[in-house]
Amino acid sequence: MKLVSPKTTINKSTQETFNFLSDVKNFEKLMPDNISKFEVLDTDKFLFALKGMPEIVLKKKEAVAPNKIVLGAAGGKLDFSLTANITEPEPNKSEVDLVFEGEFNAMMGMMIKGPISKFIETLVTNMQTAI
């Protein structure tokens, strides 16, 4: 399954946006209102939970300055990645979209498609004010 968020424009350079997203503690500022837990576990790993959902641990797997950051599942039953693609449409502006990719059976895919789509859309929307 592959889900892509809408692109959002941020009034910061690609490097500033990359630096913000490279620091995993900043993801707390991007989380939706229904977050029930957020904990930084390491310099490149954090745990979060949304109300009614299991805890998820994400780990920074790859960082290609200033255009790409890949977070992946760090343990658990589901294997997936969340990639932030950062482009520069003009000086001192950046555009970001998030790509969620994972292998799930058909039933699981149907159950998580809606909540995951809404989640990644919320993350990119919150970037406009958080960064």
N, C-alpha and C. Protein backbone atom coordinates (compact mmCIF):
# COMPACT_ATOMS: atom_id res chain seq x y z
N MET A 1 0.84 -1.17 0.00
CA MET A 1 0.00 0.00 0.00
C MET A 1 0.89 1.23 0.00
N LYS A 2 0.50 2.21 -0.79
CA LYS A 2 1.24 3.47 -0.86
C LYS A 2 0.23 4.60 -0.77
N LEU A 3 0.45 5.49 0.19
CA LEU A 3 -0.40 6.66 0.38
C LEU A 3 0.48 7.90 0.34
N VAL A 4 0.02 8.92 -0.38
CA VAL A 4 0.78 10.16 -0.52
C VAL A 4 -0.07 11.32 -0.01
N SER A 5 0.52 12.12 0.86
CA SER A 5 -0.19 13.29 1.38
C SER A 5 -0.22 14.39 0.32
N PRO A 6 -1.11 15.36 0.50
CA PRO A 6 -1.03 16.55 -0.36
C PRO A 6 0.29 17.29 -0.04
N LYS A 7 0.80 18.06 -1.00
CA LYS A 7 1.99 18.87 -0.75
C LYS A 7 1.60 20.08 0.06
N THR A 8 2.50 20.46 0.94
CA THR A 8 2.29 21.69 1.70
C THR A 8 3.48 22.62 1.47
N THR A 9 3.22 23.91 1.42
CA THR A 9 4.28 24.89 1.23
C THR A 9 4.63 25.52 2.57
N ILE A 10 5.93 25.59 2.83
CA ILE A 10 6.43 26.14 4.08
C ILE A 10 7.34 27.32 3.75
N ASN A 11 7.20 28.39 4.49
CA ASN A 11 7.99 29.59 4.24
C ASN A 11 9.36 29.52 4.90
N LYS A 12 10.04 28.43 4.67
CA LYS A 12 11.41 28.22 5.15
C LYS A 12 12.19 27.54 4.04
N SER A 13 13.50 27.65 4.09
CA SER A 13 14.34 26.99 3.09
C SER A 13 14.25 25.48 3.25
N THR A 14 14.68 24.74 2.23
CA THR A 14 14.68 23.28 2.33
C THR A 14 15.59 22.83 3.46
N GLN A 15 16.70 23.53 3.68
CA GLN A 15 17.62 23.14 4.75
C GLN A 15 16.98 23.32 6.12
N GLU A 16 16.27 24.44 6.33
CA GLU A 16 15.60 24.66 7.62
C GLU A 16 14.51 23.61 7.85
N THR A 17 13.77 23.30 6.80
CA THR A 17 12.72 22.28 6.91
C THR A 17 13.33 20.92 7.19
N PHE A 18 14.41 20.60 6.48
CA PHE A 18 15.11 19.32 6.69
C PHE A 18 15.63 19.23 8.13
N ASN A 19 16.23 20.31 8.63
CA ASN A 19 16.77 20.32 9.99
C ASN A 19 15.66 20.07 11.02
N PHE A 20 14.51 20.70 10.81
CA PHE A 20 13.38 20.52 11.73
C PHE A 20 12.93 19.07 11.73
N LEU A 21 12.74 18.49 10.55
CA LEU A 21 12.25 17.11 10.45
C LEU A 21 13.31 16.08 10.85
N SER A 22 14.58 16.47 10.82
CA SER A 22 15.65 15.55 11.22
C SER A 22 15.68 15.31 12.72
N ASP A 23 15.15 16.26 13.47
CA ASP A 23 15.13 16.14 14.93
C ASP A 23 13.81 15.47 15.33
N VAL A 24 13.88 14.21 15.73
CA VAL A 24 12.65 13.44 15.96
C VAL A 24 11.76 14.04 17.05
N LYS A 25 12.32 14.79 18.00
CA LYS A 25 11.47 15.37 19.04
C LYS A 25 10.48 16.39 18.46
N ASN A 26 10.81 16.97 17.29
CA ASN A 26 9.91 17.94 16.66
C ASN A 26 8.63 17.31 16.14
N PHE A 27 8.60 15.99 15.97
CA PHE A 27 7.39 15.35 15.47
C PHE A 27 6.22 15.50 16.45
N GLU A 28 6.54 15.74 17.73
CA GLU A 28 5.46 15.96 18.69
C GLU A 28 4.64 17.19 18.30
N LYS A 29 5.29 18.21 17.73
CA LYS A 29 4.60 19.44 17.31
C LYS A 29 3.71 19.20 16.09
N LEU A 30 3.93 18.10 15.37
CA LEU A 30 3.17 17.82 14.15
C LEU A 30 1.99 16.88 14.39
N MET A 31 1.96 16.27 15.56
CA MET A 31 0.95 15.24 15.83
C MET A 31 -0.46 15.82 15.89
N PRO A 32 -1.45 14.97 15.57
CA PRO A 32 -2.85 15.41 15.65
C PRO A 32 -3.29 15.63 17.10
N ASP A 33 -4.43 16.28 17.26
CA ASP A 33 -4.94 16.60 18.60
C ASP A 33 -5.25 15.35 19.43
N ASN A 34 -5.54 14.23 18.76
CA ASN A 34 -5.93 13.02 19.50
C ASN A 34 -4.74 12.16 19.92
N ILE A 35 -3.57 12.79 20.05
CA ILE A 35 -2.39 12.04 20.50
C ILE A 35 -2.54 11.76 22.00
N SER A 36 -2.24 10.54 22.40
CA SER A 36 -2.35 10.20 23.82
C SER A 36 -0.98 9.98 24.45
N LYS A 37 0.06 9.80 23.62
CA LYS A 37 1.40 9.57 24.17
C LYS A 37 2.45 9.95 23.12
N PHE A 38 3.52 10.58 23.58
CA PHE A 38 4.67 10.87 22.72
C PHE A 38 5.90 10.79 23.61
N GLU A 39 6.89 10.01 23.17
CA GLU A 39 8.10 9.84 23.97
C GLU A 39 9.30 9.67 23.05
N VAL A 40 10.33 10.48 23.25
CA VAL A 40 11.58 10.33 22.51
C VAL A 40 12.37 9.22 23.18
N LEU A 41 12.72 8.18 22.41
CA LEU A 41 13.43 7.02 22.95
C LEU A 41 14.94 7.10 22.75
N ASP A 42 15.35 7.82 21.70
CA ASP A 42 16.76 7.93 21.34
C ASP A 42 16.88 9.14 20.42
N THR A 43 18.09 9.48 19.99
CA THR A 43 18.27 10.64 19.12
C THR A 43 17.59 10.45 17.77
N ASP A 44 17.31 9.20 17.39
CA ASP A 44 16.69 8.95 16.09
C ASP A 44 15.45 8.05 16.19
N LYS A 45 14.84 7.99 17.38
CA LYS A 45 13.70 7.09 17.56
C LYS A 45 12.68 7.70 18.53
N PHE A 46 11.39 7.56 18.19
CA PHE A 46 10.34 8.03 19.09
C PHE A 46 9.14 7.11 19.05
N LEU A 47 8.35 7.19 20.09
CA LEU A 47 7.15 6.39 20.25
C LEU A 47 5.97 7.34 20.33
N PHE A 48 4.86 6.97 19.70
CA PHE A 48 3.65 7.77 19.86
C PHE A 48 2.44 6.86 19.82
N ALA A 49 1.36 7.36 20.37
CA ALA A 49 0.09 6.64 20.33
C ALA A 49 -1.03 7.66 20.15
N LEU A 50 -1.98 7.30 19.33
CA LEU A 50 -3.18 8.10 19.15
C LEU A 50 -4.29 7.39 19.92
N LYS A 51 -5.26 8.15 20.42
CA LYS A 51 -6.35 7.55 21.19
C LYS A 51 -6.99 6.41 20.39
N GLY A 52 -7.11 5.25 21.01
CA GLY A 52 -7.76 4.11 20.38
C GLY A 52 -6.86 3.31 19.45
N MET A 53 -5.60 3.67 19.36
CA MET A 53 -4.67 2.97 18.46
C MET A 53 -3.50 2.44 19.29
N PRO A 54 -2.83 1.39 18.78
CA PRO A 54 -1.66 0.88 19.51
C PRO A 54 -0.47 1.85 19.41
N GLU A 55 0.50 1.68 20.31
CA GLU A 55 1.71 2.50 20.26
C GLU A 55 2.53 2.13 19.03
N ILE A 56 3.13 3.14 18.41
CA ILE A 56 3.97 2.94 17.23
C ILE A 56 5.33 3.55 17.52
N VAL A 57 6.39 2.81 17.20
CA VAL A 57 7.75 3.31 17.36
C VAL A 57 8.32 3.56 15.97
N LEU A 58 8.78 4.79 15.74
CA LEU A 58 9.39 5.16 14.47
C LEU A 58 10.86 5.47 14.69
N LYS A 59 11.68 5.06 13.73
CA LYS A 59 13.11 5.29 13.78
C LYS A 59 13.55 5.93 12.47
N LYS A 60 14.44 6.92 12.59
CA LYS A 60 14.98 7.55 11.38
C LYS A 60 15.90 6.54 10.71
N LYS A 61 15.57 6.16 9.46
CA LYS A 61 16.32 5.14 8.73
C LYS A 61 17.29 5.75 7.73
N GLU A 62 16.92 6.93 7.20
CA GLU A 62 17.74 7.55 6.16
C GLU A 62 17.51 9.05 6.18
N ALA A 63 18.56 9.81 5.92
CA ALA A 63 18.46 11.27 5.82
C ALA A 63 19.39 11.71 4.70
N VAL A 64 18.81 12.33 3.67
CA VAL A 64 19.57 12.85 2.54
C VAL A 64 19.34 14.36 2.49
N ALA A 65 20.27 15.11 3.08
CA ALA A 65 20.10 16.57 3.18
C ALA A 65 20.14 17.21 1.80
N PRO A 66 19.30 18.20 1.55
CA PRO A 66 18.18 18.68 2.37
C PRO A 66 16.84 18.19 1.82
N ASN A 67 16.79 17.04 1.14
CA ASN A 67 15.60 16.68 0.39
C ASN A 67 14.79 15.48 0.84
N LYS A 68 15.31 14.68 1.75
CA LYS A 68 14.58 13.44 2.05
C LYS A 68 14.92 12.92 3.44
N ILE A 69 13.86 12.52 4.15
CA ILE A 69 14.01 11.86 5.45
C ILE A 69 13.09 10.65 5.44
N VAL A 70 13.62 9.50 5.83
CA VAL A 70 12.83 8.28 5.86
C VAL A 70 12.76 7.77 7.30
N LEU A 71 11.54 7.63 7.77
CA LEU A 71 11.29 7.02 9.08
C LEU A 71 10.70 5.64 8.81
N GLY A 72 11.04 4.69 9.65
CA GLY A 72 10.49 3.35 9.48
C GLY A 72 10.05 2.78 10.80
N ALA A 73 9.24 1.74 10.73
CA ALA A 73 8.78 1.06 11.93
C ALA A 73 9.98 0.45 12.62
N ALA A 74 10.05 0.62 13.93
CA ALA A 74 11.15 0.05 14.71
C ALA A 74 10.57 -1.02 15.62
N GLY A 75 10.35 -2.18 15.06
CA GLY A 75 9.74 -3.26 15.83
C GLY A 75 8.24 -3.28 15.63
N GLY A 76 7.60 -4.21 16.29
CA GLY A 76 6.15 -4.33 16.13
C GLY A 76 5.82 -5.29 15.01
N LYS A 77 4.53 -5.45 14.76
CA LYS A 77 4.07 -6.43 13.78
C LYS A 77 3.98 -5.87 12.37
N LEU A 78 3.96 -4.56 12.23
CA LEU A 78 3.78 -3.95 10.92
C LEU A 78 5.10 -3.37 10.43
N ASP A 79 5.40 -3.60 9.16
CA ASP A 79 6.61 -3.03 8.57
C ASP A 79 6.19 -1.97 7.57
N PHE A 80 6.59 -0.75 7.80
CA PHE A 80 6.21 0.35 6.92
C PHE A 80 7.25 1.45 6.99
N SER A 81 7.17 2.37 6.05
CA SER A 81 8.05 3.54 6.08
C SER A 81 7.23 4.80 5.84
N LEU A 82 7.75 5.91 6.33
CA LEU A 82 7.15 7.22 6.13
C LEU A 82 8.27 8.12 5.63
N THR A 83 8.15 8.57 4.39
CA THR A 83 9.19 9.37 3.75
C THR A 83 8.73 10.80 3.57
N ALA A 84 9.54 11.75 4.02
CA ALA A 84 9.29 13.17 3.78
C ALA A 84 10.14 13.59 2.59
N ASN A 85 9.48 14.04 1.53
CA ASN A 85 10.17 14.56 0.35
C ASN A 85 10.10 16.08 0.39
N ILE A 86 11.26 16.71 0.36
CA ILE A 86 11.35 18.17 0.49
C ILE A 86 11.93 18.75 -0.80
N THR A 87 11.19 19.67 -1.40
CA THR A 87 11.67 20.32 -2.63
C THR A 87 11.65 21.83 -2.42
N GLU A 88 12.36 22.53 -3.30
CA GLU A 88 12.45 23.99 -3.20
C GLU A 88 11.86 24.62 -4.45
N PRO A 89 10.57 25.03 -4.39
CA PRO A 89 9.95 25.65 -5.57
C PRO A 89 10.51 27.03 -5.88
N GLU A 90 10.99 27.72 -4.84
CA GLU A 90 11.63 29.03 -4.99
C GLU A 90 12.49 29.27 -3.74
N PRO A 91 13.42 30.23 -3.82
CA PRO A 91 14.29 30.47 -2.66
C PRO A 91 13.51 30.75 -1.38
N ASN A 92 13.99 30.19 -0.28
CA ASN A 92 13.40 30.35 1.04
C ASN A 92 11.96 29.85 1.17
N LYS A 93 11.61 28.91 0.31
CA LYS A 93 10.34 28.20 0.43
C LYS A 93 10.62 26.74 0.20
N SER A 94 9.86 25.90 0.87
CA SER A 94 10.00 24.48 0.62
C SER A 94 8.62 23.85 0.51
N GLU A 95 8.55 22.77 -0.24
CA GLU A 95 7.33 21.99 -0.36
C GLU A 95 7.63 20.60 0.20
N VAL A 96 6.68 20.09 0.97
CA VAL A 96 6.86 18.78 1.58
C VAL A 96 5.64 17.92 1.30
N ASP A 97 5.90 16.67 0.94
CA ASP A 97 4.83 15.68 0.95
C ASP A 97 5.35 14.46 1.69
N LEU A 98 4.42 13.71 2.25
CA LEU A 98 4.76 12.50 2.99
C LEU A 98 4.24 11.30 2.23
N VAL A 99 5.07 10.26 2.15
CA VAL A 99 4.69 9.02 1.47
C VAL A 99 4.75 7.89 2.50
N PHE A 100 3.61 7.25 2.70
CA PHE A 100 3.52 6.10 3.59
C PHE A 100 3.50 4.85 2.72
N GLU A 101 4.42 3.90 2.98
CA GLU A 101 4.46 2.65 2.23
C GLU A 101 4.57 1.48 3.18
N GLY A 102 3.77 0.45 2.91
CA GLY A 102 3.84 -0.75 3.74
C GLY A 102 3.15 -1.91 3.05
N GLU A 103 3.53 -3.10 3.46
CA GLU A 103 2.93 -4.32 2.93
C GLU A 103 1.93 -4.84 3.96
N PHE A 104 0.67 -4.87 3.58
CA PHE A 104 -0.39 -5.33 4.47
C PHE A 104 -1.32 -6.25 3.72
N ASN A 105 -1.95 -7.17 4.45
CA ASN A 105 -2.96 -8.00 3.79
C ASN A 105 -4.17 -7.12 3.47
N ALA A 106 -5.06 -7.61 2.63
CA ALA A 106 -6.18 -6.80 2.13
C ALA A 106 -7.07 -6.29 3.27
N MET A 107 -7.35 -7.14 4.23
CA MET A 107 -8.22 -6.74 5.34
C MET A 107 -7.57 -5.62 6.16
N MET A 108 -6.30 -5.78 6.51
CA MET A 108 -5.58 -4.76 7.28
C MET A 108 -5.50 -3.47 6.48
N GLY A 109 -5.22 -3.58 5.19
CA GLY A 109 -5.14 -2.41 4.33
C GLY A 109 -6.42 -1.59 4.34
N MET A 110 -7.55 -2.29 4.28
CA MET A 110 -8.85 -1.60 4.29
C MET A 110 -9.08 -0.89 5.63
N MET A 111 -8.64 -1.52 6.70
CA MET A 111 -8.87 -0.94 8.03
C MET A 111 -8.00 0.29 8.29
N ILE A 112 -6.77 0.29 7.80
CA ILE A 112 -5.86 1.39 8.16
C ILE A 112 -5.76 2.49 7.12
N LYS A 113 -6.26 2.27 5.91
CA LYS A 113 -6.09 3.27 4.84
C LYS A 113 -6.64 4.64 5.24
N GLY A 114 -7.86 4.69 5.75
CA GLY A 114 -8.48 5.97 6.13
C GLY A 114 -7.73 6.67 7.26
N PRO A 115 -7.51 5.97 8.39
CA PRO A 115 -6.80 6.63 9.49
C PRO A 115 -5.38 7.07 9.13
N ILE A 116 -4.65 6.26 8.36
CA ILE A 116 -3.28 6.64 7.99
C ILE A 116 -3.29 7.84 7.04
N SER A 117 -4.22 7.86 6.08
CA SER A 117 -4.33 9.01 5.16
C SER A 117 -4.58 10.29 5.94
N LYS A 118 -5.51 10.23 6.89
CA LYS A 118 -5.83 11.41 7.70
C LYS A 118 -4.62 11.81 8.56
N PHE A 119 -3.91 10.82 9.09
CA PHE A 119 -2.75 11.08 9.93
C PHE A 119 -1.65 11.82 9.16
N ILE A 120 -1.28 11.32 7.97
CA ILE A 120 -0.19 11.98 7.23
C ILE A 120 -0.62 13.35 6.71
N GLU A 121 -1.91 13.50 6.42
CA GLU A 121 -2.41 14.81 6.00
C GLU A 121 -2.31 15.81 7.16
N THR A 122 -2.61 15.37 8.37
CA THR A 122 -2.50 16.23 9.55
C THR A 122 -1.04 16.63 9.79
N LEU A 123 -0.10 15.67 9.63
CA LEU A 123 1.31 15.98 9.83
C LEU A 123 1.76 17.10 8.88
N VAL A 124 1.43 16.99 7.59
CA VAL A 124 1.90 18.03 6.65
C VAL A 124 1.18 19.35 6.88
N THR A 125 -0.08 19.31 7.26
CA THR A 125 -0.82 20.54 7.55
C THR A 125 -0.19 21.26 8.75
N ASN A 126 0.18 20.51 9.78
CA ASN A 126 0.77 21.11 10.98
C ASN A 126 2.18 21.65 10.72
N MET A 127 2.84 21.18 9.67
CA MET A 127 4.18 21.69 9.35
C MET A 127 4.16 23.18 9.04
N GLN A 128 3.06 23.66 8.46
CA GLN A 128 2.98 25.06 8.06
C GLN A 128 3.16 26.00 9.24
N THR A 129 2.68 25.61 10.41
CA THR A 129 2.80 26.49 11.58
C THR A 129 3.93 26.07 12.52
N ALA A 130 4.32 24.79 12.50
CA ALA A 130 5.31 24.29 13.45
C ALA A 130 6.74 24.61 13.06
N ILE A 131 7.02 24.66 11.76
CA ILE A 131 8.41 24.85 11.30
C ILE A 131 8.74 26.33 11.25
